[in-house]
Amino acid sequence: ILAYSLAVVHLIVTLASDFPFGVVKLIPFTVHGWIERMVGPLLIAIPFILNFSTEEAARNFYIAMGAIIIVVGMLTDYQAEVRGGKIK
């Protein structure tokens, strides 16, 4: 339930972000970046915070998803301006 809930929140944030794939464009792209900078490490910590780190599959899933978000965040220019539907 937690993974699906977080996926729905991530989808909503993505659709509400001001970048080409955003639909509503309410959240500035820089704020989207800060959200991802917080979510990546939090996903890695969740199995330990919520006491399910002994469940290997669940623990590894959250660690992998957190690592992926961290890497994508490092490769993304969240300062890019959006003009005419394209990030420049």
N, C-alpha and C. Protein backbone atom coordinates (compact mmCIF):
# COMPACT_ATOMS: atom_id res chain seq x y z
N ILE A 1 0.84 -1.19 0.00
CA ILE A 1 0.00 0.00 0.00
C ILE A 1 0.88 1.25 0.00
N LEU A 2 1.97 1.21 0.77
CA LEU A 2 2.88 2.37 0.84
C LEU A 2 3.49 2.65 -0.52
N ALA A 3 3.97 1.63 -1.21
CA ALA A 3 4.61 1.82 -2.51
C ALA A 3 3.62 2.41 -3.52
N TYR A 4 2.40 1.88 -3.54
CA TYR A 4 1.40 2.41 -4.47
C TYR A 4 1.01 3.84 -4.11
N SER A 5 0.90 4.14 -2.84
CA SER A 5 0.56 5.50 -2.41
C SER A 5 1.66 6.48 -2.83
N LEU A 6 2.91 6.09 -2.61
CA LEU A 6 4.02 6.96 -3.00
C LEU A 6 4.07 7.13 -4.52
N ALA A 7 3.73 6.08 -5.26
CA ALA A 7 3.71 6.17 -6.72
C ALA A 7 2.64 7.15 -7.19
N VAL A 8 1.49 7.14 -6.56
CA VAL A 8 0.41 8.07 -6.91
C VAL A 8 0.84 9.51 -6.59
N VAL A 9 1.47 9.71 -5.44
CA VAL A 9 1.95 11.06 -5.08
C VAL A 9 3.00 11.52 -6.09
N HIS A 10 3.90 10.63 -6.48
CA HIS A 10 4.93 10.98 -7.46
C HIS A 10 4.29 11.34 -8.80
N LEU A 11 3.30 10.60 -9.21
CA LEU A 11 2.59 10.91 -10.47
C LEU A 11 1.92 12.28 -10.39
N ILE A 12 1.27 12.57 -9.28
CA ILE A 12 0.60 13.86 -9.11
C ILE A 12 1.62 15.00 -9.15
N VAL A 13 2.73 14.84 -8.44
CA VAL A 13 3.77 15.88 -8.44
C VAL A 13 4.32 16.07 -9.86
N THR A 14 4.55 14.98 -10.58
CA THR A 14 5.06 15.07 -11.94
C THR A 14 4.07 15.77 -12.85
N LEU A 15 2.81 15.41 -12.78
CA LEU A 15 1.80 16.02 -13.64
C LEU A 15 1.55 17.49 -13.28
N ALA A 16 1.82 17.85 -12.02
CA ALA A 16 1.59 19.23 -11.58
C ALA A 16 2.84 20.10 -11.70
N SER A 17 3.95 19.53 -12.19
CA SER A 17 5.20 20.29 -12.31
C SER A 17 5.26 21.06 -13.61
N ASP A 18 5.96 22.20 -13.55
CA ASP A 18 6.09 23.08 -14.70
C ASP A 18 7.27 22.65 -15.57
N PHE A 19 7.06 21.60 -16.35
CA PHE A 19 8.03 21.13 -17.34
C PHE A 19 7.24 20.44 -18.44
N PRO A 20 7.86 20.06 -19.56
CA PRO A 20 7.08 19.57 -20.71
C PRO A 20 6.09 18.46 -20.43
N PHE A 21 6.38 17.55 -19.51
CA PHE A 21 5.45 16.46 -19.23
C PHE A 21 4.39 16.85 -18.21
N GLY A 22 4.51 18.04 -17.65
CA GLY A 22 3.52 18.51 -16.68
C GLY A 22 2.23 18.88 -17.37
N VAL A 23 1.13 18.58 -16.76
CA VAL A 23 -0.18 18.87 -17.33
C VAL A 23 -0.75 20.15 -16.74
N VAL A 24 -0.66 20.30 -15.42
CA VAL A 24 -1.25 21.43 -14.73
C VAL A 24 -0.25 22.56 -14.53
N LYS A 25 1.02 22.25 -14.36
CA LYS A 25 2.12 23.21 -14.24
C LYS A 25 1.96 24.16 -13.05
N LEU A 26 1.62 23.62 -11.89
CA LEU A 26 1.48 24.42 -10.67
C LEU A 26 2.77 24.47 -9.85
N ILE A 27 3.58 23.43 -9.93
CA ILE A 27 4.79 23.34 -9.12
C ILE A 27 5.99 23.74 -9.99
N PRO A 28 6.74 24.77 -9.58
CA PRO A 28 7.94 25.13 -10.34
C PRO A 28 8.90 23.94 -10.42
N PHE A 29 9.61 23.85 -11.55
CA PHE A 29 10.50 22.71 -11.76
C PHE A 29 11.59 22.65 -10.70
N THR A 30 12.04 23.81 -10.21
CA THR A 30 13.05 23.81 -9.15
C THR A 30 12.50 23.18 -7.87
N VAL A 31 11.23 23.44 -7.55
CA VAL A 31 10.60 22.83 -6.37
C VAL A 31 10.47 21.31 -6.58
N HIS A 32 10.12 20.91 -7.79
CA HIS A 32 10.07 19.48 -8.12
C HIS A 32 11.43 18.84 -7.82
N GLY A 33 12.50 19.53 -8.19
CA GLY A 33 13.85 19.02 -7.92
C GLY A 33 14.13 18.87 -6.44
N TRP A 34 13.72 19.86 -5.65
CA TRP A 34 13.93 19.76 -4.20
C TRP A 34 13.12 18.63 -3.59
N ILE A 35 11.93 18.41 -4.11
CA ILE A 35 11.11 17.29 -3.63
C ILE A 35 11.85 15.98 -3.89
N GLU A 36 12.39 15.83 -5.10
CA GLU A 36 13.11 14.60 -5.43
C GLU A 36 14.39 14.46 -4.62
N ARG A 37 15.06 15.57 -4.33
CA ARG A 37 16.28 15.51 -3.50
C ARG A 37 15.97 15.00 -2.09
N MET A 38 14.77 15.26 -1.61
CA MET A 38 14.37 14.77 -0.29
C MET A 38 13.85 13.34 -0.35
N VAL A 39 13.12 13.01 -1.42
CA VAL A 39 12.48 11.71 -1.52
C VAL A 39 13.49 10.58 -1.71
N GLY A 40 14.53 10.80 -2.51
CA GLY A 40 15.52 9.74 -2.76
C GLY A 40 16.11 9.17 -1.48
N PRO A 41 16.74 10.01 -0.65
CA PRO A 41 17.29 9.48 0.62
C PRO A 41 16.21 8.94 1.56
N LEU A 42 15.03 9.57 1.54
CA LEU A 42 13.95 9.09 2.40
C LEU A 42 13.52 7.68 2.01
N LEU A 43 13.44 7.41 0.70
CA LEU A 43 13.08 6.05 0.26
C LEU A 43 14.09 5.02 0.75
N ILE A 44 15.35 5.39 0.74
CA ILE A 44 16.39 4.47 1.23
C ILE A 44 16.24 4.22 2.72
N ALA A 45 15.81 5.24 3.45
CA ALA A 45 15.68 5.13 4.91
C ALA A 45 14.38 4.47 5.35
N ILE A 46 13.34 4.49 4.52
CA ILE A 46 12.01 4.00 4.92
C ILE A 46 12.02 2.58 5.51
N PRO A 47 12.70 1.61 4.90
CA PRO A 47 12.66 0.26 5.50
C PRO A 47 13.20 0.22 6.93
N PHE A 48 14.15 1.10 7.22
CA PHE A 48 14.75 1.12 8.55
C PHE A 48 13.89 1.93 9.53
N ILE A 49 13.29 3.01 9.02
CA ILE A 49 12.42 3.84 9.86
C ILE A 49 11.14 3.08 10.23
N LEU A 50 10.57 2.37 9.25
CA LEU A 50 9.31 1.67 9.47
C LEU A 50 9.50 0.21 9.90
N ASN A 51 10.75 -0.15 10.18
CA ASN A 51 11.05 -1.46 10.78
C ASN A 51 10.73 -2.66 9.89
N PHE A 52 10.97 -2.56 8.59
CA PHE A 52 10.82 -3.76 7.77
C PHE A 52 12.10 -4.04 6.97
N SER A 53 13.24 -3.64 7.55
CA SER A 53 14.52 -3.84 6.87
C SER A 53 14.92 -5.31 6.78
N THR A 54 14.29 -6.18 7.55
CA THR A 54 14.61 -7.61 7.46
C THR A 54 13.88 -8.28 6.31
N GLU A 55 12.88 -7.61 5.76
CA GLU A 55 12.16 -8.12 4.58
C GLU A 55 12.99 -7.76 3.35
N GLU A 56 13.78 -8.72 2.88
CA GLU A 56 14.78 -8.45 1.85
C GLU A 56 14.21 -7.82 0.58
N ALA A 57 13.14 -8.37 0.04
CA ALA A 57 12.58 -7.86 -1.21
C ALA A 57 12.08 -6.42 -1.06
N ALA A 58 11.35 -6.15 0.02
CA ALA A 58 10.82 -4.80 0.25
C ALA A 58 11.96 -3.82 0.49
N ARG A 59 12.92 -4.21 1.33
CA ARG A 59 14.07 -3.34 1.61
C ARG A 59 14.83 -3.01 0.34
N ASN A 60 15.12 -4.01 -0.45
CA ASN A 60 15.88 -3.79 -1.68
C ASN A 60 15.11 -2.95 -2.68
N PHE A 61 13.79 -3.10 -2.74
CA PHE A 61 12.96 -2.29 -3.62
C PHE A 61 13.08 -0.82 -3.26
N TYR A 62 12.91 -0.49 -1.99
CA TYR A 62 12.97 0.92 -1.57
C TYR A 62 14.37 1.50 -1.73
N ILE A 63 15.39 0.71 -1.44
CA ILE A 63 16.76 1.19 -1.63
C ILE A 63 17.03 1.44 -3.11
N ALA A 64 16.60 0.52 -3.98
CA ALA A 64 16.80 0.69 -5.42
C ALA A 64 16.04 1.91 -5.95
N MET A 65 14.79 2.08 -5.54
CA MET A 65 14.01 3.23 -6.01
C MET A 65 14.61 4.53 -5.52
N GLY A 66 15.08 4.55 -4.28
CA GLY A 66 15.74 5.74 -3.75
C GLY A 66 17.01 6.06 -4.52
N ALA A 67 17.80 5.03 -4.82
CA ALA A 67 19.04 5.23 -5.58
C ALA A 67 18.75 5.74 -6.99
N ILE A 68 17.73 5.19 -7.62
CA ILE A 68 17.35 5.64 -8.97
C ILE A 68 16.95 7.11 -8.94
N ILE A 69 16.15 7.52 -7.97
CA ILE A 69 15.72 8.91 -7.89
C ILE A 69 16.92 9.82 -7.63
N ILE A 70 17.86 9.38 -6.81
CA ILE A 70 19.07 10.18 -6.55
C ILE A 70 19.87 10.35 -7.83
N VAL A 71 20.07 9.27 -8.58
CA VAL A 71 20.85 9.34 -9.82
C VAL A 71 20.14 10.22 -10.85
N VAL A 72 18.85 10.05 -11.02
CA VAL A 72 18.10 10.89 -11.97
C VAL A 72 18.19 12.35 -11.55
N GLY A 73 18.10 12.61 -10.25
CA GLY A 73 18.23 13.98 -9.75
C GLY A 73 19.58 14.57 -10.04
N MET A 74 20.63 13.77 -9.96
CA MET A 74 21.98 14.26 -10.25
C MET A 74 22.15 14.55 -11.73
N LEU A 75 21.40 13.87 -12.57
CA LEU A 75 21.53 14.05 -14.02
C LEU A 75 20.57 15.10 -14.58
N THR A 76 19.70 15.64 -13.74
CA THR A 76 18.67 16.58 -14.20
C THR A 76 19.05 18.01 -13.83
N ASP A 77 18.86 18.93 -14.77
CA ASP A 77 19.07 20.35 -14.52
C ASP A 77 17.75 20.96 -14.09
N TYR A 78 17.52 21.04 -12.79
CA TYR A 78 16.26 21.56 -12.27
C TYR A 78 16.18 23.08 -12.38
N GLN A 79 17.27 23.72 -12.78
CA GLN A 79 17.28 25.17 -12.95
C GLN A 79 16.87 25.57 -14.37
N ALA A 80 16.70 24.60 -15.24
CA ALA A 80 16.34 24.89 -16.64
C ALA A 80 15.02 25.64 -16.69
N GLU A 81 14.95 26.59 -17.61
CA GLU A 81 13.72 27.34 -17.78
C GLU A 81 12.84 26.66 -18.81
N VAL A 82 11.56 26.71 -18.59
CA VAL A 82 10.62 26.13 -19.52
C VAL A 82 10.02 27.25 -20.35
N ARG A 83 10.24 27.17 -21.66
CA ARG A 83 9.69 28.18 -22.56
C ARG A 83 9.15 27.48 -23.79
N GLY A 84 7.92 27.76 -24.10
CA GLY A 84 7.33 27.15 -25.29
C GLY A 84 7.23 25.64 -25.23
N GLY A 85 7.11 25.08 -24.02
CA GLY A 85 6.96 23.63 -23.89
C GLY A 85 8.26 22.87 -23.98
N LYS A 86 9.39 23.56 -24.07
CA LYS A 86 10.68 22.89 -24.15
C LYS A 86 11.60 23.40 -23.08
N ILE A 87 12.35 22.50 -22.47
CA ILE A 87 13.34 22.91 -21.48
C ILE A 87 14.59 23.37 -22.23
N LYS A 88 15.04 24.56 -21.90
CA LYS A 88 16.23 25.12 -22.56
C LYS A 88 17.35 25.26 -21.59
